[in-house]
Amino acid sequence: MELFELGIKQAQEGLAKGEFSSVELTQAIIDRYHAKNGEIGAYLTFDEEGALALARENPKAVPIAIKDLINVKGQPCTCASKILKGYVSPYDATVIKNLKANGFIPAGRVNMDEFAMGSSTENSGLGVTKNPYDLTRVPGGSSGGSAAAVGGNLCIAALGTDTGGSIRQPASFCNCVGVKPSYGRVSRFGVTAFASSLDQVGPMTKSVEDAAILLKALAGHDEMDGTTPKDPVSDYAKALEGASMKGVKLGLAKEYLEVAGMDPEVKRLTDEAIRKCEAAGAELVEVSLPHTEYAMAVYYIIAPAEASANLARFDGVRYGHRSEQAVDVYSLYTKSRAEGFGPEVKRRIIMGTYVLSSGYYDAYYGKAQKVRTLIKRDFDVAFEKVDALVTPCAPTPAFKFGANQDPLTMYLNDLYTIPSALAGVCASSVPAGFTKDTNLPVGVQFICGGFEEEKLLKVSKAFEEVSK
């Protein structure tokens, strides 16, 4: 194998044995970046000198790609938006501090949908990212650059963020493993906020074991994020030893498996995945998540509302783009935001501001929060009967550029991932095979209860083994 093809575990073993150095590994990724990024467009920038300097300081360190909304001191943090073009972060996010402390190098910064709003990375204001399995198709989103970098062997692993499916859906499209941790498992300090009650940082990797290693490095309590509990973090990689489907109760939710519009190949591969799990010893249990039908509406009230509040800080005053056409304070705000934000971000800010406005708050936002509680309760009840749920990850394989121009059609890409995001539980996307007609990758989703990452990773690893 070429060095750029290695995963985290393989890279760490090679470094430990002295088969190559961190500098050689980092240089291999840099060379791959120069050779392939022009074609795929996964990276926005790559801090070559900084990455090599860190590799010289820590000869056992592994370089990984960072989604462009996570702050790394001395690197750009643009959120793929023109409004932050030229901004350089003055500090490290907690997850970056944790990575550095655990032998990882934050190297290149990868593309995304602007401010993480989208499901195809077509909403990036700074560049186009293509699916490495078919350059005429999207890599998914919003962590499309992370997924394309992993799937195209442009990195060893990557960090993504997941608000409504933004790790899992692109992982499905690009044939990699993606894990959305439980809400609070990983600190959000230093991660540019989209929807604060939903956002989570997670690993995007070439194997489940790699995801376990990276999640262990990321997770834990942080004084700077009050949602992170002080409970100790398991050694997730060690917990994978002997992972098996035998005796695992897998829940099949009819609301996920009987959906109109699911691509026939996605259904075939999901059904095959379920049969493989059963053949390997899993017990299949039918469950119901009756409030699933309201999840999409709830999400598109809560997430834009929180985005409206969070993005108010981008005003042309403190940092980022400042309009040259402004003549007073009012025009400074309006023109800077109008010029800097893209169409999808503007759309969600307008939606969010509307549902929070006087006279509509209780009717929309307040009611959505109540239904969100019911959705979470559905999962709680289901996990009293089963260890994990198995579902499709996305309704289709990767689609062609421009195919889902209608916003409502695009929003449906997160149909299977949004409910678990609203519930705050943990979930993964694991490669399940390729479509027959187009040879595109498809992932299957596993969902476990809150702070049950160890169980989730064991089930994911067991499936990975039986699906080889």
Protein backbone atom coordinates (compact mmCIF):
# COMPACT_ATOMS: atom_id res chain seq x y z
CA MET A 1 0.00 0.00 0.00
CA GLU A 2 1.02 3.59 -0.63
CA LEU A 3 1.38 5.65 2.55
CA PHE A 4 -1.60 7.85 1.61
CA GLU A 5 -3.82 4.75 1.46
CA LEU A 6 -3.23 3.88 5.12
CA GLY A 7 -5.83 4.28 7.84
CA ILE A 8 -5.09 5.49 11.37
CA LYS A 9 -4.38 2.05 12.87
CA GLN A 10 -2.07 1.07 10.00
CA ALA A 11 -0.27 4.42 10.14
CA GLN A 12 0.21 4.22 13.89
CA GLU A 13 1.58 0.68 13.64
CA GLY A 14 3.97 1.63 10.83
CA LEU A 15 5.21 4.65 12.78
CA ALA A 16 5.69 2.56 15.93
CA LYS A 17 7.74 -0.03 14.03
CA GLY A 18 9.86 2.66 12.39
CA GLU A 19 8.80 1.63 8.87
CA PHE A 20 8.40 5.33 8.04
CA SER A 21 8.42 8.65 9.89
CA SER A 22 5.66 11.14 10.52
CA VAL A 23 7.43 13.52 8.13
CA GLU A 24 7.37 10.87 5.38
CA LEU A 25 3.71 10.12 6.06
CA THR A 26 2.79 13.80 6.05
CA GLN A 27 4.79 14.41 2.87
CA ALA A 28 2.96 11.50 1.20
CA ILE A 29 -0.38 13.19 1.98
CA ILE A 30 0.95 16.52 0.71
CA ASP A 31 2.12 14.86 -2.53
CA ARG A 32 -1.28 13.20 -2.90
CA TYR A 33 -2.93 16.56 -2.31
CA HIS A 34 -0.93 18.12 -5.14
CA ALA A 35 -1.63 15.15 -7.43
CA LYS A 36 -5.40 14.74 -6.89
CA ASN A 37 -6.95 17.77 -5.20
CA GLY A 38 -7.20 19.67 -8.47
CA GLU A 39 -9.44 16.87 -9.72
CA ILE A 40 -11.52 16.21 -6.59
CA GLY A 41 -11.41 19.57 -4.81
CA ALA A 42 -11.62 18.17 -1.29
CA TYR A 43 -9.26 20.72 0.27
CA LEU A 44 -9.62 24.48 0.42
CA THR A 45 -6.15 25.02 1.89
CA PHE A 46 -3.29 22.89 3.17
CA ASP A 47 -0.84 24.11 5.81
CA GLU A 48 2.14 22.20 4.41
CA GLU A 49 4.85 23.95 6.43
CA GLY A 50 2.86 23.79 9.65
CA ALA A 51 2.01 20.11 9.19
CA LEU A 52 5.64 19.18 8.46
CA ALA A 53 6.82 21.22 11.47
CA LEU A 54 4.44 19.33 13.77
CA ALA A 55 5.56 16.04 12.19
CA ARG A 56 9.18 16.87 13.00
CA GLU A 57 8.19 17.71 16.60
CA ASN A 58 6.26 14.46 17.04
CA PRO A 59 7.73 11.66 14.89
CA LYS A 60 4.79 9.33 15.71
CA ALA A 61 2.02 11.77 14.75
CA VAL A 62 -0.63 11.13 12.09
CA PRO A 63 -1.89 13.99 9.87
CA ILE A 64 -5.65 14.35 9.39
CA ALA A 65 -7.94 16.71 7.47
CA ILE A 66 -10.09 19.27 9.28
CA LYS A 67 -13.53 20.52 8.24
CA ASP A 68 -13.31 24.25 7.63
CA LEU A 69 -15.49 25.33 10.56
CA ILE A 70 -13.18 24.02 13.29
CA ASN A 71 -10.69 26.58 14.60
CA VAL A 72 -6.98 25.74 14.33
CA LYS A 73 -4.59 28.43 15.51
CA GLY A 74 -2.84 30.10 12.59
CA GLN A 75 -5.03 28.47 9.93
CA PRO A 76 -7.99 29.92 7.99
CA CYS A 77 -11.46 29.13 9.32
CA THR A 78 -13.83 30.30 6.62
CA CYS A 79 -16.76 27.90 6.99
CA ALA A 80 -16.58 27.86 3.15
CA SER A 81 -18.15 31.32 3.17
CA LYS A 82 -17.14 34.55 1.50
CA ILE A 83 -18.09 36.39 4.67
CA LEU A 84 -15.09 34.81 6.45
CA LYS A 85 -12.66 34.75 3.53
CA GLY A 86 -9.25 35.78 4.83
CA TYR A 87 -10.07 35.11 8.51
CA VAL A 88 -7.30 33.29 10.40
CA SER A 89 -8.07 31.65 13.73
CA PRO A 90 -6.22 32.96 16.81
CA TYR A 91 -6.81 29.80 18.88
CA ASP A 92 -7.30 26.02 18.83
CA ALA A 93 -10.71 24.43 19.32
CA THR A 94 -10.80 21.90 22.17
CA VAL A 95 -10.99 19.01 19.70
CA ILE A 96 -7.80 20.28 18.05
CA LYS A 97 -6.02 20.50 21.41
CA ASN A 98 -7.17 16.94 22.11
CA LEU A 99 -5.94 15.75 18.70
CA LYS A 100 -2.51 17.30 19.15
CA ALA A 101 -2.24 15.78 22.64
CA ASN A 102 -3.07 12.33 21.22
CA GLY A 103 -0.61 12.27 18.32
CA PHE A 104 -2.55 13.82 15.46
CA ILE A 105 -1.63 16.71 13.18
CA PRO A 106 -4.36 19.12 11.98
CA ALA A 107 -3.20 19.60 8.38
CA GLY A 108 -5.37 20.51 5.40
CA ARG A 109 -8.72 22.24 5.69
CA VAL A 110 -11.50 20.61 3.68
CA ASN A 111 -14.52 22.02 1.88
CA MET A 112 -18.09 21.99 3.12
CA ASP A 113 -21.51 23.49 2.53
CA GLU A 114 -21.35 27.10 3.70
CA PHE A 115 -21.75 27.21 7.49
CA ALA A 116 -22.64 23.47 7.29
CA MET A 117 -25.98 24.21 5.62
CA GLY A 118 -26.56 21.66 2.88
CA SER A 119 -26.39 18.03 1.83
CA SER A 120 -24.15 18.13 -1.25
CA THR A 121 -21.33 20.69 -0.66
CA GLU A 122 -22.76 22.55 -3.66
CA ASN A 123 -23.48 25.42 -1.26
CA SER A 124 -19.79 26.11 -0.64
CA GLY A 125 -18.89 29.69 -1.41
CA LEU A 126 -15.24 28.85 -2.05
CA GLY A 127 -15.01 25.84 -4.37
CA VAL A 128 -16.45 22.68 -5.89
CA THR A 129 -15.86 19.23 -4.38
CA LYS A 130 -16.48 16.10 -6.46
CA ASN A 131 -17.25 12.55 -5.42
CA PRO A 132 -14.05 10.47 -5.82
CA TYR A 133 -16.13 7.50 -7.05
CA ASP A 134 -17.77 9.53 -9.85
CA LEU A 135 -16.56 13.04 -10.59
CA THR A 136 -19.93 13.98 -12.11
CA ARG A 137 -21.61 13.50 -8.72
CA VAL A 138 -21.64 15.27 -5.38
CA PRO A 139 -19.77 13.96 -2.30
CA GLY A 140 -22.72 14.69 0.00
CA GLY A 141 -22.73 17.31 2.70
CA SER A 142 -22.20 19.28 4.63
CA SER A 143 -18.96 17.39 5.41
CA GLY A 144 -18.45 16.66 1.72
CA GLY A 145 -14.79 17.70 1.66
CA SER A 146 -14.05 15.41 4.62
CA ALA A 147 -15.78 12.46 2.95
CA ALA A 148 -14.16 13.07 -0.44
CA ALA A 149 -10.73 13.34 1.18
CA VAL A 150 -11.17 10.03 3.01
CA GLY A 151 -12.87 8.23 0.11
CA GLY A 152 -10.28 9.50 -2.37
CA ASN A 153 -7.29 8.67 -0.16
CA LEU A 154 -6.33 12.33 0.10
CA CYS A 155 -5.98 11.94 3.87
CA ILE A 156 -5.53 9.31 6.58
CA ALA A 157 -8.77 10.41 8.27
CA ALA A 158 -10.84 13.56 8.69
CA LEU A 159 -13.01 15.46 11.14
CA GLY A 160 -16.56 16.32 10.17
CA THR A 161 -19.53 17.79 11.96
CA ASP A 162 -23.07 16.46 12.06
CA THR A 163 -26.10 18.65 12.75
CA GLY A 164 -28.78 16.70 10.89
CA GLY A 165 -26.75 14.06 9.03
CA SER A 166 -23.70 15.94 7.78
CA ILE A 167 -21.21 13.20 8.72
CA ARG A 168 -23.32 10.15 7.95
CA GLN A 169 -24.79 11.06 4.55
CA PRO A 170 -21.47 12.04 2.90
CA ALA A 171 -19.83 8.99 4.47
CA SER A 172 -22.47 6.88 2.72
CA PHE A 173 -21.85 8.67 -0.59
CA CYS A 174 -18.03 8.31 -0.43
CA ASN A 175 -17.64 4.79 1.01
CA CYS A 176 -16.19 5.70 4.38
CA VAL A 177 -17.14 5.24 8.03
CA GLY A 178 -18.75 8.23 9.74
CA VAL A 179 -19.76 8.51 13.39
CA LYS A 180 -22.06 11.12 14.92
CA PRO A 181 -21.39 10.99 18.66
CA SER A 182 -24.10 11.59 21.25
CA TYR A 183 -24.82 15.23 21.95
CA GLY A 184 -22.26 16.29 24.58
CA ARG A 185 -19.80 13.47 24.01
CA VAL A 186 -17.39 15.81 22.17
CA SER A 187 -16.71 19.47 22.99
CA ARG A 188 -18.07 22.11 20.62
CA PHE A 189 -15.78 24.89 21.92
CA GLY A 190 -14.02 26.44 18.96
CA VAL A 191 -16.39 24.86 16.42
CA THR A 192 -18.33 27.51 14.51
CA ALA A 193 -21.95 27.10 15.54
CA PHE A 194 -24.79 26.31 13.15
CA ALA A 195 -27.46 24.92 15.51
CA SER A 196 -26.11 24.73 19.04
CA SER A 197 -28.49 22.08 20.35
CA LEU A 198 -27.62 19.73 17.48
CA ASP A 199 -24.00 20.25 16.32
CA GLN A 200 -21.49 17.47 17.03
CA VAL A 201 -17.92 16.84 15.84
CA GLY A 202 -17.12 13.29 14.78
CA PRO A 203 -14.65 11.08 12.90
CA MET A 204 -14.73 10.17 9.21
CA THR A 205 -12.38 7.27 8.57
CA LYS A 206 -11.45 4.25 6.45
CA SER A 207 -12.56 1.68 9.05
CA VAL A 208 -14.62 1.37 12.22
CA GLU A 209 -11.47 0.75 14.27
CA ASP A 210 -10.01 4.01 12.97
CA ALA A 211 -13.22 5.79 13.99
CA ALA A 212 -12.92 4.30 17.49
CA ILE A 213 -9.31 5.49 17.82
CA LEU A 214 -10.14 9.00 16.63
CA LEU A 215 -13.30 9.31 18.73
CA LYS A 216 -11.35 8.36 21.87
CA ALA A 217 -8.95 11.23 21.11
CA LEU A 218 -11.81 13.69 20.58
CA ALA A 219 -14.21 12.81 23.39
CA GLY A 220 -14.32 13.95 26.99
CA HIS A 221 -15.30 16.69 29.40
CA ASP A 222 -14.41 20.28 28.61
CA GLU A 223 -14.78 23.18 31.04
CA MET A 224 -15.47 25.39 28.02
CA ASP A 225 -18.55 23.37 26.98
CA GLY A 226 -21.17 22.84 29.66
CA THR A 227 -22.91 20.08 27.67
CA THR A 228 -19.96 17.68 28.12
CA PRO A 229 -20.36 15.38 31.15
CA LYS A 230 -17.48 14.45 33.45
CA ASP A 231 -18.03 10.71 32.88
CA PRO A 232 -14.85 8.86 31.81
CA VAL A 233 -14.47 7.99 28.13
CA SER A 234 -14.12 4.32 27.21
CA ASP A 235 -11.18 2.92 25.26
CA TYR A 236 -13.35 2.47 22.20
CA ALA A 237 -10.73 0.64 20.13
CA LYS A 238 -10.05 -1.89 22.86
CA ALA A 239 -13.79 -2.44 23.28
CA LEU A 240 -13.97 -3.66 19.66
CA GLU A 241 -12.09 -6.85 20.48
CA GLY A 242 -14.38 -9.79 19.84
CA ALA A 243 -17.14 -7.61 18.36
CA SER A 244 -19.89 -9.90 17.11
CA MET A 245 -23.49 -9.82 15.93
CA LYS A 246 -24.34 -12.87 18.05
CA GLY A 247 -27.11 -12.04 20.47
CA VAL A 248 -27.41 -8.41 19.32
CA LYS A 249 -31.02 -7.24 19.20
CA LEU A 250 -31.35 -5.12 16.07
CA GLY A 251 -34.42 -2.94 15.75
CA LEU A 252 -36.16 -2.50 12.39
CA ALA A 253 -38.29 0.63 12.36
CA LYS A 254 -41.09 0.39 9.82
CA GLU A 255 -41.07 4.18 9.49
CA TYR A 256 -37.55 3.95 8.01
CA LEU A 257 -37.95 0.89 5.81
CA GLU A 258 -41.29 1.70 4.16
CA VAL A 259 -40.58 5.16 2.73
CA ALA A 260 -41.72 6.27 -0.70
CA GLY A 261 -38.91 7.54 -2.90
CA MET A 262 -36.15 5.28 -1.59
CA ASP A 263 -33.82 4.27 -4.41
CA PRO A 264 -34.31 0.55 -5.22
CA GLU A 265 -30.57 -0.10 -4.93
CA VAL A 266 -30.46 1.53 -1.50
CA LYS A 267 -33.34 -0.72 -0.44
CA ARG A 268 -31.61 -3.80 -1.88
CA LEU A 269 -28.32 -3.08 -0.11
CA THR A 270 -30.08 -2.24 3.16
CA ASP A 271 -32.09 -5.47 3.01
CA GLU A 272 -28.90 -7.40 2.27
CA ALA A 273 -27.18 -5.77 5.23
CA ILE A 274 -30.05 -6.77 7.52
CA ARG A 275 -29.91 -10.37 6.24
CA LYS A 276 -26.14 -10.49 6.82
CA CYS A 277 -26.62 -9.30 10.39
CA GLU A 278 -29.30 -11.94 11.00
CA ALA A 279 -27.13 -14.67 9.46
CA ALA A 280 -24.29 -13.62 11.78
CA GLY A 281 -26.47 -14.13 14.84
CA ALA A 282 -28.40 -10.89 15.34
CA GLU A 283 -32.00 -11.03 16.50
CA LEU A 284 -34.29 -8.81 14.43
CA VAL A 285 -36.98 -6.96 16.37
CA GLU A 286 -39.67 -4.78 14.80
CA VAL A 287 -40.02 -1.42 16.54
CA SER A 288 -41.93 1.78 15.90
CA LEU A 289 -40.80 5.39 15.99
CA PRO A 290 -44.24 6.93 15.48
CA HIS A 291 -43.22 10.60 15.49
CA THR A 292 -40.64 10.17 12.71
CA GLU A 293 -42.97 11.80 10.18
CA TYR A 294 -42.67 15.11 12.05
CA ALA A 295 -38.88 15.08 12.36
CA MET A 296 -38.16 16.93 9.14
CA ALA A 297 -40.54 19.77 9.98
CA VAL A 298 -39.23 19.99 13.53
CA TYR A 299 -35.62 20.13 12.34
CA TYR A 300 -36.29 22.86 9.79
CA ILE A 301 -37.81 25.01 12.52
CA ILE A 302 -35.24 24.42 15.28
CA ALA A 303 -32.04 24.41 13.22
CA PRO A 304 -32.72 27.63 11.25
CA ALA A 305 -33.92 29.34 14.43
CA GLU A 306 -30.63 28.58 16.16
CA ALA A 307 -28.69 29.48 13.01
CA SER A 308 -30.44 32.85 12.88
CA ALA A 309 -29.21 33.63 16.39
CA ASN A 310 -25.71 32.17 15.93
CA LEU A 311 -24.99 33.88 12.61
CA ALA A 312 -25.97 37.31 13.94
CA ARG A 313 -22.32 37.71 15.03
CA PHE A 314 -21.20 37.94 11.40
CA ASP A 315 -22.04 41.59 11.01
CA GLY A 316 -19.12 43.16 9.15
CA VAL A 317 -17.87 44.81 12.33
CA ARG A 318 -15.82 42.38 14.39
CA TYR A 319 -14.30 40.07 11.78
CA GLY A 320 -14.79 38.82 8.27
CA HIS A 321 -16.11 40.61 5.20
CA ARG A 322 -16.92 44.32 5.48
CA SER A 323 -18.81 45.91 2.59
CA GLU A 324 -17.07 48.76 0.82
CA GLN A 325 -20.50 50.09 -0.22
CA ALA A 326 -21.59 50.88 3.35
CA VAL A 327 -22.34 54.49 4.23
CA ASP A 328 -23.71 54.05 7.78
CA VAL A 329 -24.06 51.38 10.47
CA TYR A 330 -27.31 50.00 9.06
CA SER A 331 -25.93 49.61 5.53
CA LEU A 332 -22.70 48.15 6.97
CA TYR A 333 -24.72 45.31 8.50
CA THR A 334 -27.09 44.72 5.61
CA LYS A 335 -24.62 45.05 2.74
CA SER A 336 -21.86 43.03 4.45
CA ARG A 337 -24.27 40.17 5.16
CA ALA A 338 -25.94 40.37 1.74
CA GLU A 339 -22.56 40.21 -0.03
CA GLY A 340 -20.97 37.65 2.28
CA PHE A 341 -23.66 35.00 2.81
CA GLY A 342 -24.75 32.60 0.07
CA PRO A 343 -28.37 31.82 -0.93
CA GLU A 344 -28.90 28.78 1.34
CA VAL A 345 -27.52 30.54 4.41
CA LYS A 346 -29.75 33.54 3.72
CA ARG A 347 -32.73 31.24 3.26
CA ARG A 348 -32.20 29.58 6.64
CA ILE A 349 -31.54 32.85 8.46
CA ILE A 350 -34.82 34.22 7.09
CA MET A 351 -36.69 31.02 8.05
CA GLY A 352 -35.17 31.06 11.52
CA THR A 353 -35.83 34.72 12.14
CA TYR A 354 -39.45 34.25 11.07
CA VAL A 355 -40.18 31.34 13.45
CA LEU A 356 -38.59 33.27 16.34
CA SER A 357 -40.46 36.48 15.64
CA SER A 358 -43.15 37.92 17.86
CA GLY A 359 -46.46 36.13 17.39
CA TYR A 360 -44.90 33.03 15.81
CA TYR A 361 -42.52 31.79 18.50
CA ASP A 362 -45.06 29.64 20.37
CA ALA A 363 -46.79 28.45 17.22
CA TYR A 364 -43.58 27.23 15.58
CA TYR A 365 -40.45 27.10 17.75
CA GLY A 366 -42.19 26.27 21.02
CA LYS A 367 -44.32 23.55 19.44
CA ALA A 368 -41.31 22.10 17.58
CA GLN A 369 -39.44 21.71 20.86
CA LYS A 370 -42.37 19.79 22.33
CA VAL A 371 -42.50 17.43 19.34
CA ARG A 372 -38.71 17.01 19.58
CA THR A 373 -39.27 15.65 23.10
CA LEU A 374 -41.74 13.11 21.70
CA ILE A 375 -39.21 12.05 19.03
CA LYS A 376 -36.57 11.50 21.72
CA ARG A 377 -39.08 9.51 23.77
CA ASP A 378 -39.68 7.23 20.76
CA PHE A 379 -35.99 6.34 20.74
CA ASP A 380 -35.92 5.82 24.51
CA VAL A 381 -38.80 3.35 24.24
CA ALA A 382 -37.19 1.54 21.30
CA PHE A 383 -33.88 1.13 23.12
CA GLU A 384 -35.68 -0.60 25.99
CA LYS A 385 -36.28 -3.45 23.51
CA VAL A 386 -33.21 -3.41 21.27
CA ASP A 387 -29.47 -2.76 21.39
CA ALA A 388 -29.34 -0.80 18.15
CA LEU A 389 -31.43 0.26 15.19
CA VAL A 390 -30.41 -0.48 11.61
CA THR A 391 -31.71 1.79 8.88
CA PRO A 392 -30.79 3.20 5.48
CA CYS A 393 -28.40 6.13 5.75
CA ALA A 394 -29.57 8.19 2.77
CA PRO A 395 -32.52 7.62 0.41
CA THR A 396 -30.27 7.59 -2.67
CA PRO A 397 -26.65 7.08 -3.66
CA ALA A 398 -24.64 10.18 -4.64
CA PHE A 399 -26.59 12.27 -7.13
CA LYS A 400 -25.32 14.36 -10.03
CA PHE A 401 -24.46 18.04 -9.65
CA GLY A 402 -27.55 20.19 -10.00
CA ALA A 403 -29.96 17.27 -9.66
CA ASN A 404 -31.55 18.50 -6.42
CA GLN A 405 -31.79 22.24 -7.00
CA ASP A 406 -35.16 22.47 -5.25
CA PRO A 407 -34.45 23.09 -1.53
CA LEU A 408 -37.20 20.75 -0.33
CA THR A 409 -35.82 17.90 -2.47
CA MET A 410 -32.34 18.56 -1.07
CA TYR A 411 -33.61 18.59 2.52
CA LEU A 412 -35.05 15.08 2.06
CA ASN A 413 -31.50 13.73 1.81
CA ASP A 414 -31.38 13.83 5.61
CA LEU A 415 -34.64 11.97 6.01
CA TYR A 416 -33.05 9.03 7.89
CA THR A 417 -30.45 10.95 9.87
CA ILE A 418 -32.41 13.90 11.28
CA PRO A 419 -34.54 12.02 13.88
CA SER A 420 -31.50 10.64 15.75
CA ALA A 421 -29.87 14.08 15.62
CA LEU A 422 -32.94 15.62 17.25
CA ALA A 423 -32.88 12.88 19.90
CA GLY A 424 -29.19 13.50 20.68
CA VAL A 425 -28.29 9.81 20.39
CA CYS A 426 -25.23 8.35 18.63
CA ALA A 427 -25.23 6.91 15.11
CA SER A 428 -22.88 5.67 12.40
CA SER A 429 -22.71 5.12 8.68
CA VAL A 430 -20.84 1.99 7.59
CA PRO A 431 -20.20 0.98 3.95
CA ALA A 432 -22.71 -1.63 2.77
CA GLY A 433 -21.70 -2.19 -0.85
CA PHE A 434 -22.14 -0.70 -4.31
CA THR A 435 -25.09 -0.18 -6.61
CA LYS A 436 -25.31 -2.59 -9.56
CA ASP A 437 -26.12 -0.06 -12.25
CA THR A 438 -23.81 2.86 -11.37
CA ASN A 439 -21.26 1.21 -9.03
CA LEU A 440 -21.76 3.89 -6.39
CA PRO A 441 -21.17 3.28 -2.67
CA VAL A 442 -24.05 3.05 -0.21
CA GLY A 443 -23.85 3.08 3.58
CA VAL A 444 -26.11 1.59 6.21
CA GLN A 445 -26.89 3.43 9.44
CA PHE A 446 -26.71 2.05 12.99
CA ILE A 447 -28.22 4.01 15.88
CA CYS A 448 -27.69 3.47 19.61
CA GLY A 449 -28.81 5.34 22.72
CA GLY A 450 -27.23 8.42 24.24
CA PHE A 451 -23.60 7.92 25.31
CA GLU A 452 -23.63 4.34 24.01
CA GLU A 453 -20.74 4.91 21.59
CA GLU A 454 -19.01 1.74 22.76
CA LYS A 455 -22.04 -0.35 21.83
CA LEU A 456 -22.48 1.54 18.55
CA LEU A 457 -18.88 0.95 17.50
CA LYS A 458 -19.05 -2.75 18.42
CA VAL A 459 -22.19 -3.25 16.32
CA SER A 460 -20.66 -1.23 13.47
CA LYS A 461 -17.45 -3.29 13.63
CA ALA A 462 -19.42 -6.54 13.66
CA PHE A 463 -21.28 -5.46 10.53
CA GLU A 464 -18.06 -4.36 8.87
CA GLU A 465 -16.69 -7.86 9.43
CA VAL A 466 -19.73 -9.73 8.07
CA SER A 467 -20.06 -7.43 5.06
CA LYS A 468 -16.53 -8.01 3.73
